[in-house]
Amino acid sequence: MSGKRYLLDTNAIVALHRVDVIGLTSKQTELIGLIVKLRQQYRLKLPDAIIVAMAIQSEACLVTTDSELQDIQDLEVVNFA
């Protein structure tokens, strides 16, 4: 790397990589239950639990720099570090 820092707009990522955007609504009780379970089991912060649960439920790989998420069962993590 050149030492420059980059900030990526999520809309740019979606446009460039044709990423599926997954939403969360109050009617998704199964997903909400998984979020609660993950928070309790792994002591995750709410945003991390939401992201992890959505990745697990949609069978998506999670691209992250957070190495702690690699220990979560049923989650495929791609380390972006």
N, C-alpha and C. Protein backbone atom coordinates (compact mmCIF):
# COMPACT_ATOMS: atom_id res chain seq x y z
N MET A 1 0.83 -1.19 0.00
CA MET A 1 0.00 0.00 0.00
C MET A 1 0.87 1.25 0.00
N SER A 2 0.30 2.31 -0.43
CA SER A 2 1.05 3.56 -0.57
C SER A 2 1.05 4.38 0.71
N GLY A 3 0.38 3.92 1.76
CA GLY A 3 0.28 4.69 2.98
C GLY A 3 -0.95 5.58 3.01
N LYS A 4 -1.66 5.66 1.91
CA LYS A 4 -2.89 6.45 1.86
C LYS A 4 -3.99 5.68 2.56
N ARG A 5 -4.91 6.43 3.14
CA ARG A 5 -6.08 5.83 3.76
C ARG A 5 -7.27 6.03 2.85
N TYR A 6 -8.15 5.07 2.81
CA TYR A 6 -9.30 5.14 1.93
C TYR A 6 -10.58 4.98 2.73
N LEU A 7 -11.58 5.73 2.37
CA LEU A 7 -12.91 5.62 2.94
C LEU A 7 -13.84 5.28 1.80
N LEU A 8 -14.47 4.13 1.87
CA LEU A 8 -15.35 3.69 0.79
C LEU A 8 -16.80 3.94 1.15
N ASP A 9 -17.49 4.59 0.26
CA ASP A 9 -18.92 4.78 0.39
C ASP A 9 -19.59 3.45 0.08
N THR A 10 -20.52 3.02 0.93
CA THR A 10 -21.16 1.73 0.70
C THR A 10 -21.89 1.69 -0.63
N ASN A 11 -22.43 2.80 -1.08
CA ASN A 11 -23.10 2.82 -2.39
C ASN A 11 -22.11 2.53 -3.51
N ALA A 12 -20.88 3.02 -3.35
CA ALA A 12 -19.85 2.75 -4.35
C ALA A 12 -19.49 1.27 -4.36
N ILE A 13 -19.41 0.67 -3.20
CA ILE A 13 -19.10 -0.76 -3.12
C ILE A 13 -20.20 -1.57 -3.78
N VAL A 14 -21.44 -1.23 -3.50
CA VAL A 14 -22.57 -1.93 -4.10
C VAL A 14 -22.54 -1.79 -5.62
N ALA A 15 -22.29 -0.59 -6.10
CA ALA A 15 -22.27 -0.35 -7.54
C ALA A 15 -21.11 -1.07 -8.23
N LEU A 16 -19.96 -1.06 -7.62
CA LEU A 16 -18.78 -1.65 -8.24
C LEU A 16 -18.79 -3.17 -8.20
N HIS A 17 -19.32 -3.73 -7.14
CA HIS A 17 -19.22 -5.17 -6.94
C HIS A 17 -20.55 -5.90 -7.03
N ARG A 18 -21.60 -5.17 -7.34
CA ARG A 18 -22.93 -5.77 -7.44
C ARG A 18 -23.26 -6.60 -6.19
N VAL A 19 -23.08 -5.97 -5.07
CA VAL A 19 -23.33 -6.59 -3.76
C VAL A 19 -24.82 -6.58 -3.48
N ASP A 20 -25.33 -7.69 -2.96
CA ASP A 20 -26.72 -7.73 -2.54
C ASP A 20 -26.85 -6.99 -1.20
N VAL A 21 -27.82 -6.11 -1.12
CA VAL A 21 -28.08 -5.39 0.13
C VAL A 21 -29.19 -6.13 0.85
N ILE A 22 -28.92 -6.49 2.08
CA ILE A 22 -29.87 -7.28 2.87
C ILE A 22 -30.45 -6.38 3.94
N GLY A 23 -31.77 -6.35 4.02
CA GLY A 23 -32.44 -5.48 4.99
C GLY A 23 -32.91 -6.23 6.22
N LEU A 24 -33.27 -5.50 7.26
CA LEU A 24 -33.77 -6.06 8.51
C LEU A 24 -35.06 -5.36 8.87
N THR A 25 -36.12 -6.15 9.09
CA THR A 25 -37.39 -5.59 9.51
C THR A 25 -37.85 -6.29 10.78
N SER A 26 -38.79 -5.67 11.48
CA SER A 26 -39.29 -6.22 12.74
C SER A 26 -40.05 -7.53 12.54
N LYS A 27 -40.46 -7.84 11.32
CA LYS A 27 -41.20 -9.07 11.04
C LYS A 27 -40.29 -10.29 10.91
N GLN A 28 -38.99 -10.07 10.89
CA GLN A 28 -38.04 -11.17 10.73
C GLN A 28 -37.67 -11.75 12.09
N THR A 29 -38.62 -12.43 12.70
CA THR A 29 -38.44 -12.92 14.07
C THR A 29 -37.33 -13.97 14.18
N GLU A 30 -37.17 -14.79 13.15
CA GLU A 30 -36.11 -15.79 13.19
C GLU A 30 -34.73 -15.12 13.21
N LEU A 31 -34.56 -14.10 12.38
CA LEU A 31 -33.30 -13.37 12.33
C LEU A 31 -33.06 -12.64 13.65
N ILE A 32 -34.08 -12.03 14.19
CA ILE A 32 -33.95 -11.31 15.46
C ILE A 32 -33.57 -12.28 16.58
N GLY A 33 -34.16 -13.48 16.56
CA GLY A 33 -33.80 -14.50 17.54
C GLY A 33 -32.34 -14.90 17.43
N LEU A 34 -31.84 -15.02 16.19
CA LEU A 34 -30.43 -15.35 15.98
C LEU A 34 -29.53 -14.22 16.48
N ILE A 35 -29.94 -12.99 16.26
CA ILE A 35 -29.17 -11.84 16.75
C ILE A 35 -29.03 -11.89 18.26
N VAL A 36 -30.14 -12.15 18.94
CA VAL A 36 -30.12 -12.23 20.41
C VAL A 36 -29.22 -13.38 20.86
N LYS A 37 -29.35 -14.54 20.22
CA LYS A 37 -28.53 -15.70 20.58
C LYS A 37 -27.04 -15.41 20.41
N LEU A 38 -26.68 -14.77 19.29
CA LEU A 38 -25.28 -14.44 19.05
C LEU A 38 -24.74 -13.45 20.07
N ARG A 39 -25.55 -12.47 20.43
CA ARG A 39 -25.12 -11.49 21.45
C ARG A 39 -24.83 -12.19 22.77
N GLN A 40 -25.70 -13.10 23.14
CA GLN A 40 -25.55 -13.80 24.41
C GLN A 40 -24.39 -14.79 24.38
N GLN A 41 -24.30 -15.56 23.31
CA GLN A 41 -23.30 -16.63 23.22
C GLN A 41 -21.88 -16.09 23.04
N TYR A 42 -21.73 -15.05 22.23
CA TYR A 42 -20.40 -14.56 21.89
C TYR A 42 -20.10 -13.17 22.46
N ARG A 43 -21.06 -12.62 23.21
CA ARG A 43 -20.90 -11.30 23.82
C ARG A 43 -20.57 -10.23 22.77
N LEU A 44 -21.30 -10.27 21.66
CA LEU A 44 -21.09 -9.32 20.58
C LEU A 44 -21.84 -8.02 20.85
N LYS A 45 -21.30 -6.95 20.32
CA LYS A 45 -22.04 -5.69 20.32
C LYS A 45 -23.19 -5.83 19.33
N LEU A 46 -24.25 -5.07 19.53
CA LEU A 46 -25.43 -5.20 18.69
C LEU A 46 -25.14 -5.08 17.19
N PRO A 47 -24.37 -4.07 16.74
CA PRO A 47 -24.11 -3.98 15.29
C PRO A 47 -23.39 -5.23 14.76
N ASP A 48 -22.43 -5.76 15.51
CA ASP A 48 -21.73 -6.97 15.08
C ASP A 48 -22.68 -8.16 15.03
N ALA A 49 -23.55 -8.28 16.02
CA ALA A 49 -24.50 -9.39 16.06
C ALA A 49 -25.46 -9.33 14.87
N ILE A 50 -25.89 -8.14 14.51
CA ILE A 50 -26.78 -7.98 13.36
C ILE A 50 -26.07 -8.40 12.08
N ILE A 51 -24.86 -7.94 11.89
CA ILE A 51 -24.10 -8.25 10.68
C ILE A 51 -23.82 -9.75 10.60
N VAL A 52 -23.40 -10.34 11.70
CA VAL A 52 -23.09 -11.77 11.73
C VAL A 52 -24.34 -12.60 11.45
N ALA A 53 -25.44 -12.26 12.11
CA ALA A 53 -26.69 -13.00 11.93
C ALA A 53 -27.17 -12.92 10.48
N MET A 54 -27.06 -11.75 9.89
CA MET A 54 -27.49 -11.59 8.50
C MET A 54 -26.59 -12.40 7.56
N ALA A 55 -25.31 -12.44 7.84
CA ALA A 55 -24.39 -13.24 7.01
C ALA A 55 -24.71 -14.72 7.14
N ILE A 56 -24.94 -15.19 8.37
CA ILE A 56 -25.25 -16.60 8.58
C ILE A 56 -26.56 -16.96 7.89
N GLN A 57 -27.58 -16.16 8.12
CA GLN A 57 -28.90 -16.48 7.55
C GLN A 57 -28.91 -16.45 6.03
N SER A 58 -28.17 -15.54 5.44
CA SER A 58 -28.15 -15.44 3.98
C SER A 58 -27.06 -16.29 3.35
N GLU A 59 -26.33 -17.06 4.20
CA GLU A 59 -25.25 -17.93 3.75
C GLU A 59 -24.20 -17.16 2.95
N ALA A 60 -23.88 -15.97 3.45
CA ALA A 60 -22.89 -15.11 2.80
C ALA A 60 -21.58 -15.14 3.58
N CYS A 61 -20.49 -14.92 2.87
CA CYS A 61 -19.19 -14.75 3.52
C CYS A 61 -19.13 -13.34 4.09
N LEU A 62 -18.60 -13.22 5.28
CA LEU A 62 -18.45 -11.90 5.90
C LEU A 62 -17.02 -11.43 5.70
N VAL A 63 -16.86 -10.31 5.01
CA VAL A 63 -15.54 -9.72 4.80
C VAL A 63 -15.34 -8.70 5.91
N THR A 64 -14.30 -8.91 6.72
CA THR A 64 -14.09 -8.06 7.89
C THR A 64 -12.63 -8.03 8.29
N THR A 65 -12.28 -7.05 9.07
CA THR A 65 -10.96 -6.98 9.68
C THR A 65 -11.02 -7.40 11.14
N ASP A 66 -12.20 -7.75 11.61
CA ASP A 66 -12.42 -8.12 13.01
C ASP A 66 -12.10 -9.60 13.20
N SER A 67 -10.91 -9.91 13.71
CA SER A 67 -10.47 -11.30 13.86
C SER A 67 -11.28 -12.06 14.89
N GLU A 68 -11.94 -11.38 15.80
CA GLU A 68 -12.74 -12.06 16.82
C GLU A 68 -13.94 -12.78 16.21
N LEU A 69 -14.40 -12.34 15.06
CA LEU A 69 -15.57 -12.94 14.44
C LEU A 69 -15.25 -14.29 13.79
N GLN A 70 -13.97 -14.61 13.65
CA GLN A 70 -13.58 -15.88 13.02
C GLN A 70 -13.93 -17.09 13.87
N ASP A 71 -14.18 -16.89 15.15
CA ASP A 71 -14.49 -18.00 16.05
C ASP A 71 -15.97 -18.35 16.10
N ILE A 72 -16.79 -17.65 15.35
CA ILE A 72 -18.23 -17.86 15.41
C ILE A 72 -18.62 -19.03 14.52
N GLN A 73 -19.34 -19.98 15.13
CA GLN A 73 -19.78 -21.17 14.43
C GLN A 73 -20.77 -20.80 13.32
N ASP A 74 -20.70 -21.49 12.21
CA ASP A 74 -21.59 -21.32 11.05
C ASP A 74 -21.35 -20.02 10.28
N LEU A 75 -20.27 -19.31 10.58
CA LEU A 75 -19.95 -18.06 9.88
C LEU A 75 -18.67 -18.24 9.08
N GLU A 76 -18.73 -17.94 7.79
CA GLU A 76 -17.54 -17.97 6.97
C GLU A 76 -16.97 -16.55 6.90
N VAL A 77 -15.75 -16.38 7.37
CA VAL A 77 -15.12 -15.06 7.46
C VAL A 77 -13.98 -14.97 6.46
N VAL A 78 -13.97 -13.86 5.73
CA VAL A 78 -12.84 -13.52 4.86
C VAL A 78 -12.12 -12.37 5.52
N ASN A 79 -10.86 -12.61 5.92
CA ASN A 79 -10.08 -11.58 6.62
C ASN A 79 -9.60 -10.55 5.62
N PHE A 80 -9.96 -9.29 5.86
CA PHE A 80 -9.61 -8.20 4.96
C PHE A 80 -8.42 -7.40 5.46
N ALA A 81 -7.73 -7.92 6.46
CA ALA A 81 -6.60 -7.18 7.05
C ALA A 81 -5.37 -7.27 6.20
